Amino acid sequence: MSWKPGGFPVVSASAFVHEMAVLIGEVVIEEGAAVFPCAVLRADEGFPIIIDEYSNVQDGVIIHCLKGGSVTVGKRCSLAHGAIIHGPCVIGDSTFVGFRATVMGSRLGRGCFVGHGALVSGVEIPDGKYIPDRAVVKTPEQVAGLPDVSPEQVSFAAEVLAVNRELCTAYLNLLRRGELCPNKPR
């Protein structure tokens, strides 16, 4: 290859990575984080990919990065089903990214809420901003017009986080007892 590929995945003992998730290259999964089925975190071109404490990467999420960049997902974030995060990218602490939303080449502040199907590309989003469902945000002018996250959105994001934290703990307990066999009927 024309560049040095990343290293190998490192997963905290208190994190859960489903057996049907794919971690390639220098992927770091921190304490209490969860990576669910069919998520692909591919840190072979750009690296590292870091999933910080108590964040969740839900089913079918794809995270990748261009050569020379990295992806950092902050603490207590939720990346909902089918989201795509393409770096270089930083997702700030306590941020929610909705179903099939795409965030690429961007920096999201703390406590943002990216609606379902939204596209955020090549911009920096300040703390506490809401990107509506299916919105396209690609310019500073579009960023300037974004509303603040509502109390209802903060509550929703906290609920998603709590449910996924509970699932992480339950799955880890089943795994440790040898009872987690998701692909085998009982």
Protein backbone atom coordinates (compact mmCIF):
# COMPACT_ATOMS: atom_id res chain seq x y z
CA MET A 1 0.00 0.00 0.00
CA SER A 2 1.04 3.59 -0.47
CA TRP A 3 0.45 4.35 3.21
CA LYS A 4 0.87 2.64 6.56
CA PRO A 5 -2.38 0.86 7.46
CA GLY A 6 -3.80 1.19 10.97
CA GLY A 7 -3.29 -1.29 13.78
CA PHE A 8 -5.83 -3.62 15.34
CA PRO A 9 -9.06 -3.19 17.28
CA VAL A 10 -8.89 -2.59 21.03
CA VAL A 11 -12.10 -3.21 22.95
CA SER A 12 -12.62 -2.39 26.63
CA ALA A 13 -13.66 -5.35 28.80
CA SER A 14 -16.79 -3.41 29.76
CA ALA A 15 -17.81 -2.73 26.15
CA PHE A 16 -20.03 -4.96 24.02
CA VAL A 17 -19.32 -5.72 20.37
CA HIS A 18 -21.81 -8.07 18.72
CA GLU A 19 -20.27 -11.02 16.90
CA MET A 20 -21.87 -9.83 13.66
CA ALA A 21 -20.26 -6.38 13.86
CA VAL A 22 -17.08 -5.79 11.89
CA LEU A 23 -14.08 -3.94 13.33
CA ILE A 24 -11.13 -3.53 10.97
CA GLY A 25 -7.86 -1.77 11.76
CA GLU A 26 -7.22 0.73 14.52
CA VAL A 27 -10.66 0.85 16.13
CA VAL A 28 -10.89 1.73 19.82
CA ILE A 29 -14.08 0.87 21.72
CA GLU A 30 -14.01 2.51 25.15
CA GLU A 31 -15.64 1.58 28.45
CA GLY A 32 -19.35 0.79 28.38
CA ALA A 33 -19.73 1.40 24.64
CA ALA A 34 -21.84 -0.92 22.47
CA VAL A 35 -21.52 -1.90 18.82
CA PHE A 36 -24.54 -3.81 17.50
CA PRO A 37 -25.06 -6.28 14.60
CA CYS A 38 -23.99 -5.42 11.06
CA ALA A 39 -22.18 -2.25 12.09
CA VAL A 40 -18.93 -1.83 10.15
CA LEU A 41 -16.09 0.25 11.61
CA ARG A 42 -13.32 0.19 9.04
CA ALA A 43 -10.14 1.96 10.07
CA ASP A 44 -7.90 0.67 7.31
CA GLU A 45 -7.47 3.85 5.27
CA GLY A 46 -7.98 6.62 7.83
CA PHE A 47 -7.48 5.88 11.50
CA PRO A 48 -8.08 5.62 14.36
CA ILE A 49 -11.82 5.26 14.78
CA ILE A 50 -12.63 5.92 18.44
CA ILE A 51 -15.98 5.17 20.07
CA ASP A 52 -15.81 6.85 23.45
CA GLU A 53 -17.37 5.83 26.76
CA TYR A 54 -21.03 4.74 26.89
CA SER A 55 -21.74 5.50 23.24
CA ASN A 56 -23.71 3.14 21.05
CA VAL A 57 -23.27 2.24 17.40
CA GLN A 58 -26.52 0.65 16.28
CA ASP A 59 -27.35 -1.93 13.64
CA GLY A 60 -26.01 -1.27 10.16
CA VAL A 61 -23.98 1.86 10.99
CA ILE A 62 -20.95 2.37 8.74
CA ILE A 63 -17.90 4.32 9.91
CA HIS A 64 -14.96 4.87 7.58
CA CYS A 65 -12.38 7.59 6.95
CA LEU A 66 -10.21 8.98 4.21
CA LYS A 67 -6.46 8.46 4.32
CA GLY A 68 -4.77 10.75 6.84
CA GLY A 69 -7.93 11.43 8.85
CA SER A 70 -9.69 9.88 11.83
CA VAL A 71 -13.15 9.56 13.35
CA THR A 72 -13.91 10.27 16.99
CA VAL A 73 -17.36 9.64 18.44
CA GLY A 74 -17.56 11.32 21.84
CA LYS A 75 -18.94 10.09 25.14
CA ARG A 76 -22.64 9.18 25.47
CA CYS A 77 -23.46 9.42 21.76
CA SER A 78 -26.02 7.40 19.82
CA LEU A 79 -25.51 6.55 16.18
CA ALA A 80 -28.90 5.16 15.11
CA HIS A 81 -29.63 2.38 12.63
CA GLY A 82 -28.03 2.75 9.24
CA ALA A 83 -26.20 6.02 9.90
CA ILE A 84 -23.01 6.68 7.93
CA ILE A 85 -20.11 8.54 9.49
CA HIS A 86 -17.31 9.25 7.03
CA GLY A 87 -14.22 11.00 8.25
CA PRO A 88 -12.33 12.90 8.95
CA CYS A 89 -15.06 13.55 11.48
CA VAL A 90 -15.66 14.42 15.13
CA ILE A 91 -18.99 13.78 16.82
CA GLY A 92 -19.21 15.73 20.09
CA ASP A 93 -20.26 14.25 23.43
CA SER A 94 -23.98 13.54 23.96
CA THR A 95 -24.87 13.88 20.28
CA PHE A 96 -27.60 11.85 18.59
CA VAL A 97 -27.34 10.89 14.90
CA GLY A 98 -30.63 9.59 13.45
CA PHE A 99 -31.59 6.69 11.20
CA ARG A 100 -29.78 6.73 7.85
CA ALA A 101 -28.28 10.15 8.52
CA THR A 102 -24.92 10.85 6.89
CA VAL A 103 -22.17 12.90 8.51
CA MET A 104 -19.04 13.36 6.44
CA GLY A 105 -15.97 15.55 6.75
CA SER A 106 -17.61 17.48 9.57
CA ARG A 107 -17.30 18.39 13.23
CA LEU A 108 -20.41 18.26 15.38
CA GLY A 109 -20.43 20.00 18.76
CA ARG A 110 -21.68 18.62 22.05
CA GLY A 111 -25.36 17.82 22.45
CA CYS A 112 -26.35 18.07 18.78
CA PHE A 113 -29.31 16.18 17.31
CA VAL A 114 -29.06 15.05 13.69
CA GLY A 115 -32.49 14.08 12.37
CA HIS A 116 -33.30 10.94 10.41
CA GLY A 117 -32.00 10.96 6.84
CA ALA A 118 -30.13 14.26 7.21
CA LEU A 119 -26.87 15.00 5.38
CA VAL A 120 -24.15 17.00 7.11
CA SER A 121 -21.12 17.53 4.87
CA GLY A 122 -17.94 19.58 5.27
CA VAL A 123 -19.14 21.89 8.04
CA GLU A 124 -18.69 22.58 11.74
CA ILE A 125 -21.89 22.48 13.79
CA PRO A 126 -21.86 24.40 17.11
CA ASP A 127 -22.93 22.78 20.39
CA GLY A 128 -26.62 22.09 20.91
CA LYS A 129 -27.86 22.47 17.34
CA TYR A 130 -30.67 20.53 15.64
CA ILE A 131 -30.36 19.33 12.07
CA PRO A 132 -33.93 18.48 10.97
CA ASP A 133 -34.94 15.18 9.34
CA ARG A 134 -33.79 14.98 5.70
CA ALA A 135 -32.05 18.38 5.90
CA VAL A 136 -28.92 19.01 3.85
CA VAL A 137 -26.32 21.12 5.65
CA LYS A 138 -23.23 21.89 3.56
CA THR A 139 -22.54 25.62 3.96
CA PRO A 140 -21.81 28.05 6.81
CA GLU A 141 -25.03 29.88 5.90
CA GLN A 142 -27.06 26.71 6.41
CA VAL A 143 -25.28 26.10 9.73
CA ALA A 144 -26.10 29.65 10.88
CA GLY A 145 -29.81 28.98 10.33
CA LEU A 146 -29.99 25.83 12.45
CA PRO A 147 -32.31 25.88 15.48
CA ASP A 148 -31.31 24.80 18.97
CA VAL A 149 -32.05 21.29 20.18
CA SER A 150 -35.40 21.20 22.00
CA PRO A 151 -35.95 19.78 25.51
CA GLU A 152 -37.96 16.96 23.87
CA GLN A 153 -35.00 16.04 21.65
CA VAL A 154 -32.65 16.10 24.64
CA SER A 155 -35.06 13.78 26.47
CA PHE A 156 -35.39 11.46 23.47
CA ALA A 157 -31.60 11.22 23.05
CA ALA A 158 -31.21 10.46 26.78
CA GLU A 159 -33.84 7.71 26.55
CA VAL A 160 -32.11 6.11 23.53
CA LEU A 161 -28.82 6.25 25.40
CA ALA A 162 -30.32 4.65 28.53
CA VAL A 163 -31.98 1.81 26.60
CA ASN A 164 -28.77 1.03 24.72
CA ARG A 165 -26.72 1.17 27.93
CA GLU A 166 -29.13 -1.35 29.48
CA LEU A 167 -28.86 -3.58 26.38
CA CYS A 168 -25.06 -3.40 26.53
CA THR A 169 -25.05 -4.58 30.16
CA ALA A 170 -27.59 -7.35 29.49
CA TYR A 171 -25.72 -8.65 26.43
CA LEU A 172 -22.40 -8.63 28.29
CA ASN A 173 -23.96 -10.65 31.11
CA LEU A 174 -25.40 -13.19 28.65
CA LEU A 175 -22.09 -13.40 26.84
CA ARG A 176 -20.15 -14.00 30.07
CA ARG A 177 -22.58 -16.79 31.01
CA GLY A 178 -22.23 -18.35 27.57
CA GLU A 179 -25.90 -17.77 26.82
CA LEU A 180 -25.58 -15.33 23.93
CA CYS A 181 -25.92 -17.27 20.70
CA PRO A 182 -27.85 -14.89 18.45
CA ASN A 183 -27.64 -17.06 15.34
CA LYS A 184 -28.65 -20.38 16.86
CA PRO A 185 -32.24 -21.31 17.64
CA ARG A 186 -32.95 -22.59 21.13
